[in-house]
Amino acid sequence: MATIYEKTPGALIATPGRTVNFFDSGIVRVDRTYVCATSSASVHRANLVVGSIAPDEDAVQTLDGLYIHPTPGELERGNGFTEFKVSSFGRTSNTSSSMLVGVRKHRQDLFENNTGSINYSVWTPAGSIVLKPDEALNFDSLNLSSDLLMPFNLVLNNVDSLVYSFADIVEIGPVFTANNMAYAAIQYTSDTLYSKRSSIDTSSPNLIQAYRATFTSQGNPDRLITFWVYQPVITIKSQNVFGTFSEIKYTSDRDNGGYAFEAS
């Protein structure tokens, strides 16, 4: 019988030739083979289980570390050594990547005093994100920039012959939901305004952002239009699970907002 000499008795030794693959979604996969004396294989087998941190998890820079998946392959060589083929997964980011955007066009009438309407467009983001089991896919987890959420291509359709040009748009307050009547203070107006029906579904839990757009016309007072815009509603298109991490591809849509009115 051959005699096994180990520099570090019982050690699990990483062999050369580690393979690292980075994916557009933010997933990273590392494949590596480890060897140990067969006499100590049972100890390492107990540690090399699905969901455990990979032996050299700091070899690749990731956000949370590398976690083993699936169950490692095991081969007893017959020469006193046993090898384990280990795959592990991590992520390089917890924000949305591979971002694509579509465009939705909307129109809102100025329903309080019937002085025209506004047209605007919004982005509808789509892409992929990598999340852990304790992280939910929702509007907050996507961490979308305010620029991506801001309406654009705003046009004021006036009821008379005056031509107004878009000048500026700002957010008013934080996001809110239409089923929370505390939003009255955000709009700086009385509750009677909100009793009028519009395209907003007051039972919807979807998030809304209020905006105020300024339109100018030479020789005439500026017109300040306040309106509500739905934030993206996320839909999961596909989901692949890699042990501790889920690679999620999503799309989104944004319904028309409502309650467009002219500030006095």
Protein backbone atom coordinates (compact mmCIF):
# COMPACT_ATOMS: atom_id res chain seq x y z
CA MET A 1 0.00 0.00 0.00
CA ALA A 2 1.27 3.44 -0.91
CA THR A 3 2.18 5.83 1.86
CA ILE A 4 0.51 9.29 1.68
CA TYR A 5 2.59 12.23 2.81
CA GLU A 6 0.62 15.43 3.43
CA LYS A 7 2.17 18.83 4.03
CA THR A 8 -0.93 19.76 6.06
CA PRO A 9 -2.54 16.56 7.38
CA GLY A 10 -6.23 16.32 6.52
CA ALA A 11 -6.17 19.43 4.30
CA LEU A 12 -8.45 20.04 1.34
CA ILE A 13 -6.20 21.17 -1.50
CA ALA A 14 -7.41 23.27 -4.43
CA THR A 15 -6.00 22.05 -7.73
CA PRO A 16 -4.93 24.44 -10.51
CA GLY A 17 -7.36 25.35 -13.24
CA ARG A 18 -10.22 27.19 -11.56
CA THR A 19 -12.93 28.26 -14.06
CA VAL A 20 -14.82 31.52 -13.53
CA ASN A 21 -17.81 32.64 -15.58
CA PHE A 22 -19.56 36.01 -15.25
CA PHE A 23 -23.08 36.44 -16.63
CA ASP A 24 -24.88 39.59 -17.72
CA SER A 25 -27.47 39.19 -14.99
CA GLY A 26 -24.83 39.55 -12.28
CA ILE A 27 -24.44 35.82 -11.55
CA VAL A 28 -20.91 34.47 -11.26
CA ARG A 29 -20.09 30.75 -11.35
CA VAL A 30 -16.84 29.23 -10.15
CA ASP A 31 -15.83 25.60 -10.85
CA ARG A 32 -12.87 24.00 -9.13
CA THR A 33 -11.56 20.59 -8.18
CA TYR A 34 -10.22 19.88 -4.68
CA VAL A 35 -8.33 16.84 -3.42
CA CYS A 36 -7.70 15.38 0.00
CA ALA A 37 -6.48 12.17 1.51
CA THR A 38 -9.24 9.58 1.30
CA SER A 39 -8.91 9.06 5.04
CA SER A 40 -10.18 12.62 5.62
CA ALA A 41 -12.79 12.69 2.82
CA SER A 42 -15.73 12.20 5.18
CA VAL A 43 -14.81 15.38 7.06
CA HIS A 44 -14.71 17.48 3.89
CA ARG A 45 -17.80 15.81 2.46
CA ALA A 46 -19.77 17.05 5.46
CA ASN A 47 -18.64 20.62 4.74
CA LEU A 48 -19.03 20.60 0.97
CA VAL A 49 -22.81 20.67 0.92
CA VAL A 50 -25.31 22.74 -1.03
CA GLY A 51 -25.66 26.20 0.45
CA SER A 52 -22.30 26.18 2.22
CA ILE A 53 -19.66 28.78 1.52
CA ALA A 54 -17.11 27.59 -1.05
CA PRO A 55 -13.65 26.75 0.33
CA ASP A 56 -11.93 29.64 -1.50
CA GLU A 57 -14.95 31.92 -1.71
CA ASP A 58 -12.74 35.01 -1.52
CA ALA A 59 -10.90 34.06 -4.73
CA VAL A 60 -13.46 36.00 -6.78
CA GLN A 61 -14.87 39.36 -5.77
CA THR A 62 -18.60 39.04 -5.17
CA LEU A 63 -21.23 40.89 -3.21
CA ASP A 64 -22.08 38.13 -0.73
CA GLY A 65 -19.53 35.36 -1.27
CA LEU A 66 -19.69 32.09 -3.21
CA TYR A 67 -22.12 29.35 -2.19
CA ILE A 68 -21.96 25.71 -3.26
CA HIS A 69 -24.53 24.44 -5.76
CA PRO A 70 -25.30 21.71 -6.75
CA THR A 71 -24.01 18.79 -4.65
CA PRO A 72 -20.29 18.37 -5.49
CA GLY A 73 -19.14 15.39 -7.51
CA GLU A 74 -16.85 12.97 -5.65
CA LEU A 75 -14.26 10.57 -7.07
CA GLU A 76 -12.02 8.22 -5.10
CA ARG A 77 -8.94 7.95 -7.28
CA GLY A 78 -7.71 4.66 -5.81
CA ASN A 79 -4.27 6.09 -5.01
CA GLY A 80 -5.13 7.27 -1.52
CA PHE A 81 -6.69 10.54 -2.67
CA THR A 82 -10.28 11.63 -3.18
CA GLU A 83 -11.29 14.57 -5.33
CA PHE A 84 -14.35 16.82 -5.12
CA LYS A 85 -15.59 18.77 -8.12
CA VAL A 86 -17.23 21.87 -6.66
CA SER A 87 -19.40 24.46 -8.37
CA SER A 88 -20.35 27.61 -6.52
CA PHE A 89 -22.39 30.70 -7.34
CA GLY A 90 -22.35 34.31 -6.24
CA ARG A 91 -23.46 37.68 -7.52
CA THR A 92 -21.62 40.84 -8.43
CA SER A 93 -24.59 43.14 -7.86
CA ASN A 94 -28.03 43.28 -6.26
CA THR A 95 -29.39 45.90 -8.64
CA SER A 96 -31.00 45.47 -12.01
CA SER A 97 -28.68 44.79 -14.94
CA SER A 98 -29.10 44.28 -18.68
CA MET A 99 -31.60 47.13 -18.58
CA LEU A 100 -33.93 47.56 -21.52
CA VAL A 101 -36.70 50.11 -21.67
CA GLY A 102 -39.90 50.51 -23.60
CA VAL A 103 -42.07 53.60 -23.86
CA ARG A 104 -45.71 54.13 -22.87
CA LYS A 105 -47.55 57.24 -24.02
CA HIS A 106 -50.27 58.72 -21.81
CA ARG A 107 -52.78 61.55 -21.86
CA GLN A 108 -54.50 63.23 -18.95
CA ASP A 109 -57.28 65.79 -19.07
CA LEU A 110 -57.12 68.73 -16.71
CA PHE A 111 -60.34 67.65 -15.10
CA GLU A 112 -60.80 70.39 -12.50
CA ASN A 113 -61.27 73.39 -14.77
CA ASN A 114 -61.31 71.81 -18.25
CA THR A 115 -58.53 73.96 -19.65
CA GLY A 116 -56.86 71.37 -21.81
CA SER A 117 -54.85 68.20 -21.31
CA ILE A 118 -51.26 66.99 -21.10
CA ASN A 119 -49.50 64.29 -23.06
CA TYR A 120 -46.38 62.59 -21.74
CA SER A 121 -44.33 59.42 -22.08
CA VAL A 122 -42.82 57.11 -19.48
CA TRP A 123 -40.18 54.42 -19.58
CA THR A 124 -41.13 50.80 -18.86
CA PRO A 125 -37.93 49.08 -17.68
CA ALA A 126 -37.14 45.43 -18.27
CA GLY A 127 -34.04 43.44 -17.43
CA SER A 128 -32.62 40.95 -14.96
CA ILE A 129 -31.64 40.96 -11.32
CA VAL A 130 -30.08 38.44 -8.92
CA LEU A 131 -31.71 38.09 -5.51
CA LYS A 132 -31.33 35.95 -2.38
CA PRO A 133 -34.29 34.07 -0.84
CA ASP A 134 -34.93 36.81 1.73
CA GLU A 135 -35.10 39.51 -0.97
CA ALA A 136 -38.31 40.20 -2.86
CA LEU A 137 -38.59 41.45 -6.41
CA ASN A 138 -40.45 44.73 -6.19
CA PHE A 139 -40.16 48.36 -7.14
CA ASP A 140 -37.80 49.11 -4.24
CA SER A 141 -35.40 46.22 -4.87
CA LEU A 142 -34.84 47.35 -8.46
CA ASN A 143 -33.44 50.64 -7.16
CA LEU A 144 -34.32 52.45 -10.36
CA SER A 145 -32.94 55.94 -10.88
CA SER A 146 -35.32 58.90 -10.71
CA ASP A 147 -34.29 59.85 -14.26
CA LEU A 148 -35.64 56.54 -15.53
CA LEU A 149 -38.93 57.09 -13.71
CA MET A 150 -39.46 60.71 -14.72
CA PRO A 151 -42.11 61.47 -17.38
CA PHE A 152 -40.75 63.02 -20.58
CA ASN A 153 -41.94 64.46 -23.90
CA LEU A 154 -44.50 66.57 -22.06
CA VAL A 155 -46.94 68.57 -24.16
CA LEU A 156 -49.70 70.88 -22.93
CA ASN A 157 -52.75 70.78 -25.17
CA ASN A 158 -54.42 74.14 -24.64
CA VAL A 159 -58.09 74.83 -25.33
CA ASP A 160 -57.34 78.22 -26.85
CA SER A 161 -54.84 79.38 -29.47
CA LEU A 162 -52.01 80.05 -27.02
CA VAL A 163 -48.95 77.85 -27.46
CA TYR A 164 -47.14 76.71 -24.30
CA SER A 165 -43.74 75.04 -24.21
CA PHE A 166 -42.57 72.59 -21.58
CA ALA A 167 -40.01 74.15 -19.23
CA ASP A 168 -39.47 71.99 -16.16
CA ILE A 169 -40.75 69.07 -14.09
CA VAL A 170 -40.18 68.24 -10.41
CA GLU A 171 -41.26 65.48 -8.04
CA ILE A 172 -43.74 66.41 -5.31
CA GLY A 173 -43.19 64.47 -2.11
CA PRO A 174 -42.47 60.75 -1.76
CA VAL A 175 -44.22 57.89 -3.52
CA PHE A 176 -47.62 56.90 -2.14
CA THR A 177 -50.64 54.73 -2.89
CA ALA A 178 -54.10 55.82 -3.98
CA ASN A 179 -55.72 53.80 -1.19
CA ASN A 180 -54.03 55.99 1.42
CA MET A 181 -55.93 59.26 1.73
CA ALA A 182 -52.99 60.85 3.55
CA TYR A 183 -51.75 61.88 0.11
CA ALA A 184 -53.92 65.04 0.23
CA ALA A 185 -51.08 67.04 1.79
CA ILE A 186 -48.78 66.03 -1.04
CA GLN A 187 -50.97 67.75 -3.59
CA TYR A 188 -51.42 70.96 -1.59
CA THR A 189 -55.15 71.07 -2.15
CA SER A 190 -58.41 70.15 -0.46
CA ASP A 191 -59.88 66.67 -0.14
CA THR A 192 -62.79 67.70 -2.35
CA LEU A 193 -60.49 67.46 -5.35
CA TYR A 194 -59.88 63.78 -4.69
CA SER A 195 -63.55 62.96 -4.44
CA LYS A 196 -63.84 63.51 -8.19
CA ARG A 197 -63.44 60.39 -10.26
CA SER A 198 -60.44 60.03 -12.51
CA SER A 199 -58.44 57.15 -13.98
CA ILE A 200 -56.80 56.42 -10.61
CA ASP A 201 -58.08 53.25 -8.95
CA THR A 202 -58.38 54.21 -5.29
CA SER A 203 -58.27 50.55 -4.24
CA SER A 204 -54.94 49.90 -5.97
CA PRO A 205 -51.85 49.30 -3.83
CA ASN A 206 -49.52 50.28 -6.69
CA LEU A 207 -47.09 53.08 -6.05
CA ILE A 208 -47.66 56.56 -7.43
CA GLN A 209 -45.42 59.60 -7.76
CA ALA A 210 -46.78 63.14 -8.00
CA TYR A 211 -45.13 65.61 -10.36
CA ARG A 212 -45.50 69.29 -11.17
CA ALA A 213 -44.71 70.41 -14.70
CA THR A 214 -44.18 74.02 -15.74
CA PHE A 215 -45.22 75.29 -19.18
CA THR A 216 -44.37 78.74 -20.49
CA SER A 217 -45.74 81.04 -23.18
CA GLN A 218 -44.17 84.35 -24.08
CA GLY A 219 -46.11 87.24 -22.60
CA ASN A 220 -48.43 84.95 -20.59
CA PRO A 221 -48.32 83.58 -17.04
CA ASP A 222 -46.67 80.19 -16.56
CA ARG A 223 -49.00 77.23 -16.21
CA LEU A 224 -48.19 74.74 -13.43
CA ILE A 225 -49.74 71.33 -13.97
CA THR A 226 -49.74 68.74 -11.19
CA PHE A 227 -50.43 65.11 -12.07
CA TRP A 228 -49.92 61.57 -10.80
CA VAL A 229 -47.92 58.85 -12.54
CA TYR A 230 -47.89 55.16 -11.66
CA GLN A 231 -44.49 53.69 -10.93
CA PRO A 232 -43.57 50.51 -12.84
CA VAL A 233 -45.53 47.38 -11.94
CA ILE A 234 -43.11 44.47 -12.16
CA THR A 235 -43.88 41.10 -13.75
CA ILE A 236 -41.54 38.09 -13.55
CA LYS A 237 -40.81 36.73 -17.00
CA SER A 238 -38.55 33.83 -15.95
CA GLN A 239 -36.63 32.66 -12.91
CA ASN A 240 -33.62 30.35 -12.61
CA VAL A 241 -32.43 29.21 -9.21
CA PHE A 242 -28.73 28.64 -8.56
CA GLY A 243 -28.74 27.45 -4.97
CA THR A 244 -28.66 30.55 -2.80
CA PHE A 245 -29.39 32.93 -5.68
CA SER A 246 -32.26 33.43 -8.10
CA GLU A 247 -31.67 34.98 -11.50
CA ILE A 248 -34.89 36.78 -12.37
CA LYS A 249 -35.82 38.29 -15.71
CA TYR A 250 -38.62 40.81 -15.50
CA THR A 251 -40.74 43.19 -17.50
CA SER A 252 -42.86 46.11 -16.34
CA ASP A 253 -45.81 48.25 -17.30
CA ARG A 254 -47.08 51.64 -16.19
CA ASP A 255 -50.77 52.45 -16.30
CA ASN A 256 -51.95 55.96 -17.00
CA GLY A 257 -51.93 58.21 -13.98
CA GLY A 258 -54.61 60.71 -13.11
CA TYR A 259 -55.79 63.77 -11.22
CA ALA A 260 -54.08 66.22 -13.53
CA PHE A 261 -55.01 69.73 -12.49
CA GLU A 262 -53.67 73.24 -12.75
CA ALA A 263 -52.19 74.77 -9.63
CA SER A 264 -53.80 78.07 -8.70
